[in-house]
Amino acid sequence: MPSHGSLTKAGKVRNATPKMPKKEKHKEVPRVRNKLEYEKRVLKASQAKAR
């Protein structure tokens, strides 16, 4: 099976990249997020139609 590039070069960039600490991801509680998405999607659309 032919490969693209030699295997001696495999992983060079990833190993040379400095390790960064993971960023803390903060998502809203699903209930709150769903409520905001609902308001954005349904209520604002119905207000736009009413005008």
C-alpha atoms as a PDB file:
ATOM      1  CA  MET A   1       0.000   0.000   0.000  1.00  0.00           C
ATOM      2  CA  PRO A   2       1.679   3.256  -1.080  1.00  0.00           C
ATOM      3  CA  SER A   3       1.870   6.142   1.363  1.00  0.00           C
ATOM      4  CA  HIS A   4       2.076   9.864   0.790  1.00  0.00           C
ATOM      5  CA  GLY A   5       5.465  10.925   2.115  1.00  0.00           C
ATOM      6  CA  SER A   6       7.994   8.916   4.028  1.00  0.00           C
ATOM      7  CA  LEU A   7       7.166   7.385   7.387  1.00  0.00           C
ATOM      8  CA  THR A   8      10.314   8.881   8.927  1.00  0.00           C
ATOM      9  CA  LYS A   9       8.597  12.294   8.869  1.00  0.00           C
ATOM     10  CA  ALA A  10       5.419  11.089  10.599  1.00  0.00           C
ATOM     11  CA  GLY A  11       4.424  13.046  13.726  1.00  0.00           C
ATOM     12  CA  LYS A  12       7.168  15.689  13.494  1.00  0.00           C
ATOM     13  CA  VAL A  13       4.878  18.729  13.633  1.00  0.00           C
ATOM     14  CA  ARG A  14       2.684  17.442  16.457  1.00  0.00           C
ATOM     15  CA  ASN A  15       5.685  16.502  18.583  1.00  0.00           C
ATOM     16  CA  ALA A  16       7.331  19.892  17.944  1.00  0.00           C
ATOM     17  CA  THR A  17       4.219  21.860  18.932  1.00  0.00           C
ATOM     18  CA  PRO A  18       4.284  23.087  22.544  1.00  0.00           C
ATOM     19  CA  LYS A  19       1.667  21.530  24.803  1.00  0.00           C
ATOM     20  CA  MET A  20      -1.062  24.044  25.658  1.00  0.00           C
ATOM     21  CA  PRO A  21      -3.247  23.668  28.748  1.00  0.00           C
ATOM     22  CA  LYS A  22      -6.864  22.856  27.895  1.00  0.00           C
ATOM     23  CA  LYS A  23      -9.285  25.756  28.097  1.00  0.00           C
ATOM     24  CA  GLU A  24     -12.208  25.362  30.421  1.00  0.00           C
ATOM     25  CA  LYS A  25     -15.393  25.123  28.384  1.00  0.00           C
ATOM     26  CA  HIS A  26     -18.515  26.523  29.962  1.00  0.00           C
ATOM     27  CA  LYS A  27     -21.877  25.731  28.455  1.00  0.00           C
ATOM     28  CA  GLU A  28     -25.182  26.747  29.895  1.00  0.00           C
ATOM     29  CA  VAL A  29     -27.432  24.154  31.458  1.00  0.00           C
ATOM     30  CA  PRO A  30     -29.349  22.502  28.573  1.00  0.00           C
ATOM     31  CA  ARG A  31     -32.703  23.712  29.925  1.00  0.00           C
ATOM     32  CA  VAL A  32     -31.558  27.349  29.840  1.00  0.00           C
ATOM     33  CA  ARG A  33     -29.872  26.969  26.457  1.00  0.00           C
ATOM     34  CA  ASN A  34     -32.995  25.381  24.936  1.00  0.00           C
ATOM     35  CA  LYS A  35     -35.171  28.152  26.320  1.00  0.00           C
ATOM     36  CA  LEU A  36     -32.939  30.840  24.790  1.00  0.00           C
ATOM     37  CA  GLU A  37     -32.845  29.043  21.445  1.00  0.00           C
ATOM     38  CA  TYR A  38     -36.642  28.680  21.503  1.00  0.00           C
ATOM     39  CA  GLU A  39     -37.123  32.370  22.233  1.00  0.00           C
ATOM     40  CA  LYS A  40     -34.709  33.336  19.489  1.00  0.00           C
ATOM     41  CA  ARG A  41     -36.220  30.937  16.947  1.00  0.00           C
ATOM     42  CA  VAL A  42     -39.966  31.029  17.653  1.00  0.00           C
ATOM     43  CA  LEU A  43     -40.894  34.132  19.590  1.00  0.00           C
ATOM     44  CA  LYS A  44     -38.793  36.631  17.642  1.00  0.00           C
ATOM     45  CA  ALA A  45     -39.950  35.111  14.357  1.00  0.00           C
ATOM     46  CA  SER A  46     -43.593  35.448  15.382  1.00  0.00           C
ATOM     47  CA  GLN A  47     -43.006  39.057  16.481  1.00  0.00           C
ATOM     48  CA  ALA A  48     -41.458  39.858  13.099  1.00  0.00           C
ATOM     49  CA  LYS A  49     -44.514  38.390  11.304  1.00  0.00           C
ATOM     50  CA  ALA A  50     -46.904  40.420  13.473  1.00  0.00           C
ATOM     51  CA  ARG A  51     -45.381  43.674  12.254  1.00  0.00           C
END
